[in-house]
C-alpha atoms as a PDB file:
ATOM      1  CA  UNK A   1     227.822 -65.155 107.709  1.00  0.00           C
ATOM      2  CA  UNK A   2     226.243 -67.094 110.550  1.00  0.00           C
ATOM      3  CA  UNK A   3     228.942 -68.633 112.705  1.00  0.00           C
ATOM      4  CA  UNK A   4     230.088 -72.078 111.668  1.00  0.00           C
ATOM      5  CA  UNK A   5     229.143 -73.397 115.104  1.00  0.00           C
ATOM      6  CA  UNK A   6     225.471 -72.809 114.311  1.00  0.00           C
ATOM      7  CA  UNK A   7     224.453 -76.069 112.672  1.00  0.00           C
ATOM      8  CA  UNK A   8     220.796 -76.350 113.629  1.00  0.00           C
ATOM      9  CA  UNK A   9     218.251 -75.464 110.930  1.00  0.00           C
ATOM     10  CA  UNK A  10     217.048 -71.899 111.270  1.00  0.00           C
ATOM     11  CA  UNK A  11     213.400 -72.594 110.657  1.00  0.00           C
ATOM     12  CA  UNK A  12     210.962 -74.490 112.859  1.00  0.00           C
ATOM     13  CA  UNK A  13     211.606 -78.201 112.364  1.00  0.00           C
ATOM     14  CA  UNK A  14     210.887 -79.662 115.784  1.00  0.00           C
ATOM     15  CA  UNK A  15     207.853 -81.577 114.613  1.00  0.00           C
ATOM     16  CA  UNK A  16     209.353 -82.812 111.360  1.00  0.00           C
ATOM     17  CA  UNK A  17     209.022 -86.472 112.349  1.00  0.00           C
ATOM     18  CA  UNK A  18     206.006 -86.115 114.600  1.00  0.00           C
ATOM     19  CA  UNK A  19     204.511 -89.539 115.285  1.00  0.00           C
ATOM     20  CA  UNK A  20     201.259 -90.181 113.500  1.00  0.00           C
ATOM     21  CA  UNK A  21     201.561 -87.172 111.220  1.00  0.00           C
ATOM     22  CA  UNK A  22     200.313 -88.148 107.782  1.00  0.00           C
ATOM     23  CA  UNK A  23     202.478 -87.078 104.859  1.00  0.00           C
ATOM     24  CA  UNK A  24     200.867 -86.966 101.421  1.00  0.00           C
ATOM     25  CA  UNK A  25     202.661 -88.639  98.565  1.00  0.00           C
ATOM     26  CA  UNK A  26     204.658 -86.220  96.419  1.00  0.00           C
ATOM     27  CA  UNK A  27     202.562 -84.968  93.507  1.00  0.00           C
ATOM     28  CA  UNK A  28     203.614 -85.637  89.951  1.00  0.00           C
ATOM     29  CA  UNK A  29     204.441 -82.824  87.563  1.00  0.00           C
ATOM     30  CA  UNK A  30     202.312 -82.674  84.446  1.00  0.00           C
ATOM     31  CA  UNK A  31     203.941 -83.424  81.107  1.00  0.00           C
ATOM     32  CA  UNK A  32     204.774 -79.811  80.261  1.00  0.00           C
ATOM     33  CA  UNK A  33     206.288 -79.123  83.668  1.00  0.00           C
ATOM     34  CA  UNK A  34     208.175 -82.404  83.489  1.00  0.00           C
ATOM     35  CA  UNK A  35     209.748 -81.329  80.194  1.00  0.00           C
ATOM     36  CA  UNK A  36     211.161 -78.247  81.913  1.00  0.00           C
ATOM     37  CA  UNK A  37     212.480 -80.301  84.831  1.00  0.00           C
ATOM     38  CA  UNK A  38     214.109 -82.726  82.389  1.00  0.00           C
ATOM     39  CA  UNK A  39     215.742 -79.782  80.618  1.00  0.00           C
ATOM     40  CA  UNK A  40     217.006 -78.499  83.964  1.00  0.00           C
ATOM     41  CA  UNK A  41     218.617 -81.890  84.480  1.00  0.00           C
ATOM     42  CA  UNK A  42     220.149 -81.779  81.003  1.00  0.00           C
ATOM     43  CA  UNK A  43     221.667 -78.414  81.935  1.00  0.00           C
ATOM     44  CA  UNK A  44     223.378 -80.143  84.895  1.00  0.00           C
ATOM     45  CA  UNK A  45     221.741 -77.933  87.501  1.00  0.00           C
ATOM     46  CA  UNK A  46     222.443 -79.199  91.007  1.00  0.00           C
ATOM     47  CA  UNK A  47     220.318 -78.794  94.157  1.00  0.00           C
ATOM     48  CA  UNK A  48     221.074 -75.362  95.555  1.00  0.00           C
ATOM     49  CA  UNK A  49     221.826 -76.683  99.040  1.00  0.00           C
ATOM     50  CA  UNK A  50     224.835 -78.608  97.642  1.00  0.00           C
ATOM     51  CA  UNK A  51     226.452 -75.496  96.172  1.00  0.00           C
ATOM     52  CA  UNK A  52     228.391 -72.451  97.225  1.00  0.00           C
ATOM     53  CA  UNK A  53     226.704 -69.080  96.825  1.00  0.00           C
ATOM     54  CA  UNK A  54     228.730 -68.322  93.711  1.00  0.00           C
ATOM     55  CA  UNK A  55     227.905 -71.687  92.174  1.00  0.00           C
ATOM     56  CA  UNK A  56     224.218 -71.237  92.928  1.00  0.00           C
ATOM     57  CA  UNK A  57     224.234 -67.826  91.276  1.00  0.00           C
ATOM     58  CA  UNK A  58     225.914 -68.992  88.100  1.00  0.00           C
ATOM     59  CA  UNK A  59     224.403 -72.413  87.422  1.00  0.00           C
ATOM     60  CA  UNK A  60     221.469 -72.923  85.049  1.00  0.00           C
ATOM     61  CA  UNK A  61     218.120 -71.765  86.432  1.00  0.00           C
ATOM     62  CA  UNK A  62     214.549 -73.007  85.896  1.00  0.00           C
ATOM     63  CA  UNK A  63     214.112 -70.022  83.556  1.00  0.00           C
ATOM     64  CA  UNK A  64     217.059 -71.260  81.495  1.00  0.00           C
ATOM     65  CA  UNK A  65     215.438 -74.682  81.285  1.00  0.00           C
ATOM     66  CA  UNK A  66     212.141 -73.168  80.138  1.00  0.00           C
ATOM     67  CA  UNK A  67     213.947 -71.192  77.433  1.00  0.00           C
ATOM     68  CA  UNK A  68     215.699 -74.381  76.345  1.00  0.00           C
ATOM     69  CA  UNK A  69     212.344 -76.110  75.865  1.00  0.00           C
ATOM     70  CA  UNK A  70     211.001 -73.056  74.064  1.00  0.00           C
ATOM     71  CA  UNK A  71     213.902 -73.070  71.595  1.00  0.00           C
ATOM     72  CA  UNK A  72     213.641 -76.815  71.039  1.00  0.00           C
ATOM     73  CA  UNK A  73     209.952 -76.438  70.187  1.00  0.00           C
ATOM     74  CA  UNK A  74     210.631 -73.388  67.994  1.00  0.00           C
ATOM     75  CA  UNK A  75     208.122 -71.281  69.929  1.00  0.00           C
ATOM     76  CA  UNK A  76     208.289 -67.603  68.950  1.00  0.00           C
ATOM     77  CA  UNK A  77     209.550 -65.186  71.626  1.00  0.00           C
ATOM     78  CA  UNK A  78     207.012 -62.635  70.401  1.00  0.00           C
ATOM     79  CA  UNK A  79     205.105 -60.624  71.479  1.00  0.00           C
ATOM     80  CA  UNK A  80     206.883 -60.596  74.850  1.00  0.00           C
ATOM     81  CA  UNK A  81     210.301 -59.993  73.286  1.00  0.00           C
ATOM     82  CA  UNK A  82     209.055 -56.782  71.669  1.00  0.00           C
ATOM     83  CA  UNK A  83     208.155 -55.119  74.979  1.00  0.00           C
ATOM     84  CA  UNK A  84     210.102 -51.880  75.352  1.00  0.00           C
ATOM     85  CA  UNK A  85     212.629 -51.940  78.205  1.00  0.00           C
ATOM     86  CA  UNK A  86     214.996 -49.459  79.779  1.00  0.00           C
ATOM     87  CA  UNK A  87     217.534 -50.089  82.542  1.00  0.00           C
ATOM     88  CA  UNK A  88     217.679 -47.379  85.183  1.00  0.00           C
ATOM     89  CA  UNK A  89     219.050 -46.887  88.694  1.00  0.00           C
ATOM     90  CA  UNK A  90     216.977 -45.893  91.708  1.00  0.00           C
ATOM     91  CA  UNK A  91     218.756 -43.707  94.270  1.00  0.00           C
ATOM     92  CA  UNK A  92     218.279 -44.918  97.848  1.00  0.00           C
ATOM     93  CA  UNK A  93     220.008 -44.267 101.196  1.00  0.00           C
ATOM     94  CA  UNK A  94     221.917 -47.542 100.743  1.00  0.00           C
ATOM     95  CA  UNK A  95     223.041 -46.716  97.209  1.00  0.00           C
ATOM     96  CA  UNK A  96     221.671 -47.064  93.704  1.00  0.00           C
ATOM     97  CA  UNK A  97     219.392 -50.031  92.999  1.00  0.00           C
ATOM     98  CA  UNK A  98     219.429 -51.523  89.492  1.00  0.00           C
ATOM     99  CA  UNK A  99     215.969 -51.590  87.940  1.00  0.00           C
ATOM    100  CA  UNK A 100     214.423 -52.355  84.576  1.00  0.00           C
ATOM    101  CA  UNK A 101     211.379 -50.539  83.252  1.00  0.00           C
ATOM    102  CA  UNK A 102     209.012 -52.445  80.950  1.00  0.00           C
ATOM    103  CA  UNK A 103     206.436 -50.404  79.037  1.00  0.00           C
ATOM    104  CA  UNK A 104     203.478 -51.497  76.915  1.00  0.00           C
ATOM    105  CA  UNK A 105     202.705 -49.815  73.612  1.00  0.00           C
ATOM    106  CA  UNK A 106     200.451 -47.217  75.176  1.00  0.00           C
ATOM    107  CA  UNK A 107     200.502 -43.494  75.925  1.00  0.00           C
ATOM    108  CA  UNK A 108     199.577 -41.371  78.888  1.00  0.00           C
ATOM    109  CA  UNK A 109     200.369 -41.928  82.557  1.00  0.00           C
ATOM    110  CA  UNK A 110     200.172 -45.694  82.998  1.00  0.00           C
ATOM    111  CA  UNK A 111     199.509 -47.827  86.035  1.00  0.00           C
ATOM    112  CA  UNK A 112     202.762 -49.112  87.533  1.00  0.00           C
ATOM    113  CA  UNK A 113     203.640 -52.518  88.952  1.00  0.00           C
ATOM    114  CA  UNK A 114     206.670 -52.564  91.242  1.00  0.00           C
ATOM    115  CA  UNK A 115     208.019 -56.098  90.852  1.00  0.00           C
ATOM    116  CA  UNK A 116     210.579 -57.919  93.007  1.00  0.00           C
ATOM    117  CA  UNK A 117     212.298 -61.015  91.625  1.00  0.00           C
ATOM    118  CA  UNK A 118     212.684 -64.308  93.445  1.00  0.00           C
ATOM    119  CA  UNK A 119     215.723 -66.283  94.486  1.00  0.00           C
ATOM    120  CA  UNK A 120     215.543 -66.616  98.259  1.00  0.00           C
ATOM    121  CA  UNK A 121     217.207 -63.207  98.736  1.00  0.00           C
ATOM    122  CA  UNK A 122     220.480 -64.853  97.639  1.00  0.00           C
ATOM    123  CA  UNK A 123     220.244 -65.676  93.920  1.00  0.00           C
ATOM    124  CA  UNK A 124     218.271 -64.204  91.034  1.00  0.00           C
ATOM    125  CA  UNK A 125     218.438 -60.854  89.274  1.00  0.00           C
ATOM    126  CA  UNK A 126     216.747 -58.733  86.630  1.00  0.00           C
ATOM    127  CA  UNK A 127     217.753 -61.144  83.870  1.00  0.00           C
ATOM    128  CA  UNK A 128     216.822 -64.425  85.561  1.00  0.00           C
ATOM    129  CA  UNK A 129     213.303 -63.078  86.194  1.00  0.00           C
ATOM    130  CA  UNK A 130     212.685 -61.261  82.936  1.00  0.00           C
ATOM    131  CA  UNK A 131     209.716 -63.255  81.627  1.00  0.00           C
ATOM    132  CA  UNK A 132     207.233 -62.388  84.387  1.00  0.00           C
ATOM    133  CA  UNK A 133     207.570 -58.590  83.998  1.00  0.00           C
ATOM    134  CA  UNK A 134     207.128 -58.938  80.237  1.00  0.00           C
ATOM    135  CA  UNK A 135     203.981 -61.017  80.649  1.00  0.00           C
ATOM    136  CA  UNK A 136     202.554 -58.637  83.248  1.00  0.00           C
ATOM    137  CA  UNK A 137     203.273 -55.631  81.033  1.00  0.00           C
ATOM    138  CA  UNK A 138     201.437 -57.127  78.082  1.00  0.00           C
ATOM    139  CA  UNK A 139     198.524 -58.522  80.047  1.00  0.00           C
ATOM    140  CA  UNK A 140     197.852 -55.724  82.545  1.00  0.00           C
ATOM    141  CA  UNK A 141     198.582 -52.702  80.380  1.00  0.00           C
ATOM    142  CA  UNK A 142     200.851 -51.350  83.103  1.00  0.00           C
ATOM    143  CA  UNK A 143     204.434 -50.255  83.147  1.00  0.00           C
ATOM    144  CA  UNK A 144     206.417 -52.742  85.227  1.00  0.00           C
ATOM    145  CA  UNK A 145     209.449 -51.642  87.208  1.00  0.00           C
ATOM    146  CA  UNK A 146     211.500 -54.703  88.096  1.00  0.00           C
ATOM    147  CA  UNK A 147     213.713 -53.767  91.037  1.00  0.00           C
ATOM    148  CA  UNK A 148     216.876 -55.540  92.116  1.00  0.00           C
ATOM    149  CA  UNK A 149     217.922 -55.351  95.749  1.00  0.00           C
ATOM    150  CA  UNK A 150     220.880 -56.180  97.937  1.00  0.00           C
ATOM    151  CA  UNK A 151     221.482 -59.904  98.284  1.00  0.00           C
ATOM    152  CA  UNK A 152     222.632 -62.088 101.143  1.00  0.00           C
ATOM    153  CA  UNK A 153     225.051 -63.164 102.448  1.00  0.00           C
ATOM    154  CA  UNK A 154     226.804 -59.917 101.504  1.00  0.00           C
ATOM    155  CA  UNK A 155     223.827 -57.935 102.844  1.00  0.00           C
ATOM    156  CA  UNK A 156     221.756 -59.902 105.291  1.00  0.00           C
ATOM    157  CA  UNK A 157     218.176 -59.429 106.470  1.00  0.00           C
ATOM    158  CA  UNK A 158     216.634 -56.854 106.510  1.00  0.00           C
ATOM    159  CA  UNK A 159     218.678 -55.188 103.745  1.00  0.00           C
ATOM    160  CA  UNK A 160     216.412 -56.413 100.930  1.00  0.00           C
ATOM    161  CA  UNK A 161     213.315 -55.263 102.814  1.00  0.00           C
ATOM    162  CA  UNK A 162     214.783 -51.803 103.254  1.00  0.00           C
ATOM    163  CA  UNK A 163     215.587 -51.663  99.539  1.00  0.00           C
ATOM    164  CA  UNK A 164     212.084 -52.773  98.564  1.00  0.00           C
ATOM    165  CA  UNK A 165     210.501 -50.088 100.717  1.00  0.00           C
ATOM    166  CA  UNK A 166     212.823 -47.391  99.390  1.00  0.00           C
ATOM    167  CA  UNK A 167     212.066 -48.484  95.821  1.00  0.00           C
ATOM    168  CA  UNK A 168     208.340 -48.170  96.487  1.00  0.00           C
ATOM    169  CA  UNK A 169     208.817 -44.703  97.985  1.00  0.00           C
ATOM    170  CA  UNK A 170     210.823 -43.690  94.913  1.00  0.00           C
ATOM    171  CA  UNK A 171     208.002 -44.783  92.617  1.00  0.00           C
ATOM    172  CA  UNK A 172     205.422 -42.926  94.704  1.00  0.00           C
ATOM    173  CA  UNK A 173     207.463 -39.750  94.363  1.00  0.00           C
ATOM    174  CA  UNK A 174     208.708 -40.202  90.801  1.00  0.00           C
ATOM    175  CA  UNK A 175     206.005 -42.128  88.959  1.00  0.00           C
ATOM    176  CA  UNK A 176     205.523 -39.381  86.395  1.00  0.00           C
ATOM    177  CA  UNK A 177     209.197 -39.520  85.423  1.00  0.00           C
ATOM    178  CA  UNK A 178     208.715 -43.086  84.181  1.00  0.00           C
ATOM    179  CA  UNK A 179     205.375 -42.357  82.545  1.00  0.00           C
ATOM    180  CA  UNK A 180     203.398 -43.734  85.483  1.00  0.00           C
ATOM    181  CA  UNK A 181     200.407 -42.743  87.577  1.00  0.00           C
ATOM    182  CA  UNK A 182     201.272 -42.460  91.283  1.00  0.00           C
ATOM    183  CA  UNK A 183     197.673 -43.255  92.232  1.00  0.00           C
ATOM    184  CA  UNK A 184     197.688 -46.595  90.411  1.00  0.00           C
ATOM    185  CA  UNK A 185     200.669 -48.523  91.786  1.00  0.00           C
ATOM    186  CA  UNK A 186     200.600 -52.260  92.478  1.00  0.00           C
ATOM    187  CA  UNK A 187     203.277 -54.488  93.976  1.00  0.00           C
ATOM    188  CA  UNK A 188     204.238 -57.971  92.830  1.00  0.00           C
ATOM    189  CA  UNK A 189     206.914 -60.557  93.498  1.00  0.00           C
ATOM    190  CA  UNK A 190     207.945 -64.194  93.389  1.00  0.00           C
ATOM    191  CA  UNK A 191     209.037 -66.232  96.462  1.00  0.00           C
ATOM    192  CA  UNK A 192     211.453 -63.888  98.308  1.00  0.00           C
ATOM    193  CA  UNK A 193     210.130 -61.100  96.098  1.00  0.00           C
ATOM    194  CA  UNK A 194     206.593 -62.051  97.086  1.00  0.00           C
ATOM    195  CA  UNK A 195     207.615 -61.558 100.687  1.00  0.00           C
ATOM    196  CA  UNK A 196     209.031 -58.137  99.808  1.00  0.00           C
ATOM    197  CA  UNK A 197     205.860 -57.123  97.966  1.00  0.00           C
ATOM    198  CA  UNK A 198     203.687 -58.190 100.907  1.00  0.00           C
ATOM    199  CA  UNK A 199     205.918 -56.280 103.309  1.00  0.00           C
ATOM    200  CA  UNK A 200     205.729 -53.123 101.188  1.00  0.00           C
ATOM    201  CA  UNK A 201     201.928 -53.207 101.480  1.00  0.00           C
ATOM    202  CA  UNK A 202     202.155 -53.739 105.238  1.00  0.00           C
ATOM    203  CA  UNK A 203     204.735 -50.982 105.688  1.00  0.00           C
ATOM    204  CA  UNK A 204     202.687 -48.535 103.643  1.00  0.00           C
ATOM    205  CA  UNK A 205     199.768 -49.142 106.000  1.00  0.00           C
ATOM    206  CA  UNK A 206     201.962 -48.844 109.109  1.00  0.00           C
ATOM    207  CA  UNK A 207     203.675 -45.655 107.966  1.00  0.00           C
ATOM    208  CA  UNK A 208     200.564 -43.932 106.628  1.00  0.00           C
ATOM    209  CA  UNK A 209     201.805 -43.873 103.041  1.00  0.00           C
ATOM    210  CA  UNK A 210     199.568 -44.470 100.004  1.00  0.00           C
ATOM    211  CA  UNK A 211     198.748 -48.148  99.755  1.00  0.00           C
ATOM    212  CA  UNK A 212     199.363 -50.154  96.599  1.00  0.00           C
ATOM    213  CA  UNK A 213     196.080 -50.730  94.770  1.00  0.00           C
ATOM    214  CA  UNK A 214     196.853 -54.458  94.521  1.00  0.00           C
ATOM    215  CA  UNK A 215     199.395 -57.033  95.656  1.00  0.00           C
ATOM    216  CA  UNK A 216     200.366 -60.007  93.491  1.00  0.00           C
ATOM    217  CA  UNK A 217     202.126 -62.589  95.670  1.00  0.00           C
ATOM    218  CA  UNK A 218     203.521 -65.505  93.685  1.00  0.00           C
ATOM    219  CA  UNK A 219     204.464 -68.523  95.856  1.00  0.00           C
ATOM    220  CA  UNK A 220     205.600 -66.050  98.523  1.00  0.00           C
ATOM    221  CA  UNK A 221     207.847 -66.831 101.484  1.00  0.00           C
ATOM    222  CA  UNK A 222     205.527 -65.795 104.309  1.00  0.00           C
ATOM    223  CA  UNK A 223     206.215 -68.296 107.105  1.00  0.00           C
ATOM    224  CA  UNK A 224     208.999 -69.859 109.140  1.00  0.00           C
ATOM    225  CA  UNK A 225     207.585 -73.344 109.774  1.00  0.00           C
ATOM    226  CA  UNK A 226     209.148 -76.154 107.758  1.00  0.00           C
ATOM    227  CA  UNK A 227     206.740 -78.705 109.142  1.00  0.00           C
ATOM    228  CA  UNK A 228     203.737 -77.584 107.083  1.00  0.00           C
ATOM    229  CA  UNK A 229     201.947 -80.153 104.919  1.00  0.00           C
ATOM    230  CA  UNK A 230     203.568 -78.843 101.748  1.00  0.00           C
ATOM    231  CA  UNK A 231     207.060 -78.890 103.280  1.00  0.00           C
ATOM    232  CA  UNK A 232     206.588 -82.514 104.286  1.00  0.00           C
ATOM    233  CA  UNK A 233     205.105 -83.503 100.956  1.00  0.00           C
ATOM    234  CA  UNK A 234     207.706 -81.653  98.887  1.00  0.00           C
ATOM    235  CA  UNK A 235     210.829 -82.074 101.002  1.00  0.00           C
ATOM    236  CA  UNK A 236     212.753 -83.465  98.018  1.00  0.00           C
ATOM    237  CA  UNK A 237     211.043 -81.456  95.275  1.00  0.00           C
ATOM    238  CA  UNK A 238     212.888 -79.783  92.448  1.00  0.00           C
ATOM    239  CA  UNK A 239     213.785 -77.036  91.821  1.00  0.00           C
ATOM    240  CA  UNK A 240     213.074 -76.150  95.470  1.00  0.00           C
ATOM    241  CA  UNK A 241     213.066 -78.520  98.438  1.00  0.00           C
ATOM    242  CA  UNK A 242     213.339 -78.266 102.204  1.00  0.00           C
ATOM    243  CA  UNK A 243     217.139 -78.420 102.304  1.00  0.00           C
ATOM    244  CA  UNK A 244     217.311 -75.623  99.758  1.00  0.00           C
ATOM    245  CA  UNK A 245     215.131 -73.409 101.955  1.00  0.00           C
ATOM    246  CA  UNK A 246     217.366 -74.193 104.940  1.00  0.00           C
ATOM    247  CA  UNK A 247     220.345 -73.134 102.795  1.00  0.00           C
ATOM    248  CA  UNK A 248     218.689 -69.822 101.962  1.00  0.00           C
ATOM    249  CA  UNK A 249     217.841 -69.206 105.609  1.00  0.00           C
ATOM    250  CA  UNK A 250     221.431 -69.815 106.731  1.00  0.00           C
ATOM    251  CA  UNK A 251     222.698 -67.271 104.236  1.00  0.00           C
ATOM    252  CA  UNK A 252     220.041 -64.621 104.817  1.00  0.00           C
ATOM    253  CA  UNK A 253     219.354 -64.519 108.557  1.00  0.00           C
ATOM    254  CA  UNK A 254     221.822 -63.451 111.218  1.00  0.00           C
ATOM    255  CA  UNK A 255     220.415 -65.678 113.950  1.00  0.00           C
ATOM    256  CA  UNK A 256     217.689 -68.221 114.644  1.00  0.00           C
ATOM    257  CA  UNK A 257     215.638 -65.591 116.471  1.00  0.00           C
ATOM    258  CA  UNK A 258     215.026 -63.729 113.236  1.00  0.00           C
ATOM    259  CA  UNK A 259     212.702 -66.476 112.014  1.00  0.00           C
ATOM    260  CA  UNK A 260     210.070 -64.937 114.315  1.00  0.00           C
ATOM    261  CA  UNK A 261     210.482 -61.470 112.835  1.00  0.00           C
ATOM    262  CA  UNK A 262     207.075 -60.342 111.506  1.00  0.00           C
ATOM    263  CA  UNK A 263     208.680 -59.469 108.174  1.00  0.00           C
ATOM    264  CA  UNK A 264     209.575 -63.147 107.744  1.00  0.00           C
ATOM    265  CA  UNK A 265     206.719 -64.871 109.563  1.00  0.00           C
ATOM    266  CA  UNK A 266     203.855 -62.984 107.979  1.00  0.00           C
ATOM    267  CA  UNK A 267     201.361 -65.767 108.702  1.00  0.00           C
ATOM    268  CA  UNK A 268     201.800 -64.993 112.406  1.00  0.00           C
ATOM    269  CA  UNK A 269     200.775 -61.353 112.069  1.00  0.00           C
ATOM    270  CA  UNK A 270     197.533 -59.985 113.464  1.00  0.00           C
ATOM    271  CA  UNK A 271     197.541 -56.653 111.611  1.00  0.00           C
ATOM    272  CA  UNK A 272     196.363 -57.750 108.174  1.00  0.00           C
ATOM    273  CA  UNK A 273     193.137 -55.764 108.030  1.00  0.00           C
ATOM    274  CA  UNK A 274     193.057 -52.797 105.694  1.00  0.00           C
ATOM    275  CA  UNK A 275     195.495 -54.246 103.180  1.00  0.00           C
ATOM    276  CA  UNK A 276     194.862 -53.877  99.442  1.00  0.00           C
ATOM    277  CA  UNK A 277     193.265 -56.721  97.469  1.00  0.00           C
ATOM    278  CA  UNK A 278     195.620 -59.596  96.737  1.00  0.00           C
ATOM    279  CA  UNK A 279     196.182 -62.331  94.218  1.00  0.00           C
ATOM    280  CA  UNK A 280     198.113 -65.211  95.795  1.00  0.00           C
ATOM    281  CA  UNK A 281     199.509 -67.840  93.437  1.00  0.00           C
ATOM    282  CA  UNK A 282     200.663 -71.203  94.797  1.00  0.00           C
ATOM    283  CA  UNK A 283     202.076 -74.317  93.134  1.00  0.00           C
ATOM    284  CA  UNK A 284     201.212 -77.864  94.154  1.00  0.00           C
ATOM    285  CA  UNK A 285     204.814 -79.136  94.038  1.00  0.00           C
ATOM    286  CA  UNK A 286     206.326 -76.451  96.225  1.00  0.00           C
ATOM    287  CA  UNK A 287     207.306 -76.413  99.909  1.00  0.00           C
ATOM    288  CA  UNK A 288     205.911 -72.870 100.114  1.00  0.00           C
ATOM    289  CA  UNK A 289     202.370 -73.850  99.087  1.00  0.00           C
ATOM    290  CA  UNK A 290     200.881 -74.219 102.576  1.00  0.00           C
ATOM    291  CA  UNK A 291     202.165 -70.934 103.966  1.00  0.00           C
ATOM    292  CA  UNK A 292     201.009 -69.052 100.873  1.00  0.00           C
ATOM    293  CA  UNK A 293     197.543 -70.508 101.241  1.00  0.00           C
ATOM    294  CA  UNK A 294     197.505 -69.794 104.973  1.00  0.00           C
ATOM    295  CA  UNK A 295     198.475 -66.167 104.387  1.00  0.00           C
ATOM    296  CA  UNK A 296     195.710 -65.854 101.800  1.00  0.00           C
ATOM    297  CA  UNK A 297     193.204 -67.298 104.282  1.00  0.00           C
ATOM    298  CA  UNK A 298     194.331 -64.989 107.086  1.00  0.00           C
ATOM    299  CA  UNK A 299     194.153 -61.910 104.913  1.00  0.00           C
ATOM    300  CA  UNK A 300     190.670 -62.934 103.828  1.00  0.00           C
ATOM    301  CA  UNK A 301     189.636 -63.492 107.448  1.00  0.00           C
ATOM    302  CA  UNK A 302     190.843 -59.944 108.173  1.00  0.00           C
ATOM    303  CA  UNK A 303     188.539 -58.579 105.485  1.00  0.00           C
ATOM    304  CA  UNK A 304     190.989 -58.374 102.583  1.00  0.00           C
ATOM    305  CA  UNK A 305     189.700 -59.349  99.136  1.00  0.00           C
ATOM    306  CA  UNK A 306     191.860 -62.305  98.057  1.00  0.00           C
ATOM    307  CA  UNK A 307     191.957 -64.441  94.940  1.00  0.00           C
ATOM    308  CA  UNK A 308     193.886 -67.644  95.685  1.00  0.00           C
ATOM    309  CA  UNK A 309     195.144 -69.275  92.489  1.00  0.00           C
ATOM    310  CA  UNK A 310     196.358 -72.767  93.400  1.00  0.00           C
ATOM    311  CA  UNK A 311     197.859 -74.604  90.445  1.00  0.00           C
ATOM    312  CA  UNK A 312     198.122 -78.395  90.316  1.00  0.00           C
ATOM    313  CA  UNK A 313     200.886 -80.350  88.629  1.00  0.00           C
ATOM    314  CA  UNK A 314     203.479 -77.564  88.597  1.00  0.00           C
ATOM    315  CA  UNK A 315     206.527 -76.727  90.684  1.00  0.00           C
ATOM    316  CA  UNK A 316     208.009 -73.670  92.321  1.00  0.00           C
ATOM    317  CA  UNK A 317     209.220 -71.136  89.707  1.00  0.00           C
ATOM    318  CA  UNK A 318     206.572 -72.132  87.146  1.00  0.00           C
ATOM    319  CA  UNK A 319     204.887 -68.720  86.854  1.00  0.00           C
ATOM    320  CA  UNK A 320     207.203 -67.221  84.236  1.00  0.00           C
ATOM    321  CA  UNK A 321     207.029 -70.274  81.963  1.00  0.00           C
ATOM    322  CA  UNK A 322     203.885 -69.360  80.053  1.00  0.00           C
ATOM    323  CA  UNK A 323     205.548 -70.028  76.700  1.00  0.00           C
ATOM    324  CA  UNK A 324     205.934 -73.732  77.462  1.00  0.00           C
ATOM    325  CA  UNK A 325     203.611 -74.486  80.410  1.00  0.00           C
ATOM    326  CA  UNK A 326     199.939 -73.829  79.713  1.00  0.00           C
ATOM    327  CA  UNK A 327     199.059 -73.662  83.422  1.00  0.00           C
ATOM    328  CA  UNK A 328     201.594 -70.882  83.865  1.00  0.00           C
ATOM    329  CA  UNK A 329     199.950 -68.925  81.065  1.00  0.00           C
ATOM    330  CA  UNK A 330     196.553 -69.389  82.721  1.00  0.00           C
ATOM    331  CA  UNK A 331     197.906 -68.259  86.106  1.00  0.00           C
ATOM    332  CA  UNK A 332     199.416 -65.151  84.519  1.00  0.00           C
ATOM    333  CA  UNK A 333     196.107 -64.400  82.819  1.00  0.00           C
ATOM    334  CA  UNK A 334     194.280 -64.667  86.152  1.00  0.00           C
ATOM    335  CA  UNK A 335     196.788 -62.334  87.805  1.00  0.00           C
ATOM    336  CA  UNK A 336     196.553 -59.817  84.973  1.00  0.00           C
ATOM    337  CA  UNK A 337     192.759 -59.844  85.151  1.00  0.00           C
ATOM    338  CA  UNK A 338     192.935 -58.961  88.854  1.00  0.00           C
ATOM    339  CA  UNK A 339     195.467 -56.217  88.186  1.00  0.00           C
ATOM    340  CA  UNK A 340     193.374 -54.675  85.420  1.00  0.00           C
ATOM    341  CA  UNK A 341     190.356 -54.722  87.723  1.00  0.00           C
ATOM    342  CA  UNK A 342     192.327 -52.979  90.485  1.00  0.00           C
ATOM    343  CA  UNK A 343     193.652 -50.316  88.126  1.00  0.00           C
ATOM    344  CA  UNK A 344     190.182 -49.703  86.659  1.00  0.00           C
ATOM    345  CA  UNK A 345     188.646 -49.404  90.121  1.00  0.00           C
ATOM    346  CA  UNK A 346     191.288 -46.876  91.118  1.00  0.00           C
ATOM    347  CA  UNK A 347     190.622 -44.853  87.946  1.00  0.00           C
ATOM    348  CA  UNK A 348     186.891 -44.877  88.602  1.00  0.00           C
ATOM    349  CA  UNK A 349     187.433 -43.788  92.210  1.00  0.00           C
ATOM    350  CA  UNK A 350     189.477 -40.816  91.030  1.00  0.00           C
ATOM    351  CA  UNK A 351     186.793 -39.909  88.519  1.00  0.00           C
ATOM    352  CA  UNK A 352     184.083 -39.857  91.172  1.00  0.00           C
ATOM    353  CA  UNK A 353     186.242 -38.130  93.771  1.00  0.00           C
ATOM    354  CA  UNK A 354     186.112 -41.121  96.160  1.00  0.00           C
END
């Protein structure tokens, strides 16, 4: 735990009230997204920054609110609910990591997506982020391995990053044991998990290991500046606002200096060339929108093929709500199309010996 004497925000806030800086009016959620937010209110969920860690981990989540709307509208859980799953444990130097394998109804060595859930490295688990792996399994035709990792404040930065890398190495070495193809592995993640997925791709390049064939980064945490346009516009947004991100930072980082670490501040990196193609998904009503878009632009400037999917009228955490938010379903479809393309390209390359 960071010492109680450290009261200053951990991220860059010096220009928060810069004179003359224009701040856009907060965007309005569309009717479907609003229904989920209303359900979250009905479930008595409180802003994360007002809670203890234990309270934040046990209160109702945006996923719970989406399921509440789904039940109220009598929307069938199929076909996602029929996806085959198996809980396993991945051995790593830091201990066993819980993981859940999702498989489509298909035979033969399948492409694999290594997925990391969101939750600011503090909250979230395999159950809270169950809908995205199911949707990716059905839409991409890949097996999805959803990997849990050590959480802060019990295990501070960079524990989760170490776990993510070790999970990726395990899949590279053991893909066949889960019915996967080691030459067709993608990485994916949401917010903190998006950061982990991006870092796995970067570490694979740095360490000379096989690169993922694709990276799906869903409203990723890739910067340390809380004075971006989206932070200013969405300072009070739900379910994620500026104070909530400050709360996560205080629980994850050991000191203010770690905000400059290249594993946190990815938008400041200059070594983005040679990365695999990426799909970057951002939400209009999300403090993380600007940094996600900036990272997409900087990867593209470095020669990386990037598809930026910016979705209006939705909030952070919308991606797994395809049952009740049409724009989430469309974003998932776009991501799955990119993943299928990456897997097909990798198959063709193997067939031609390239």
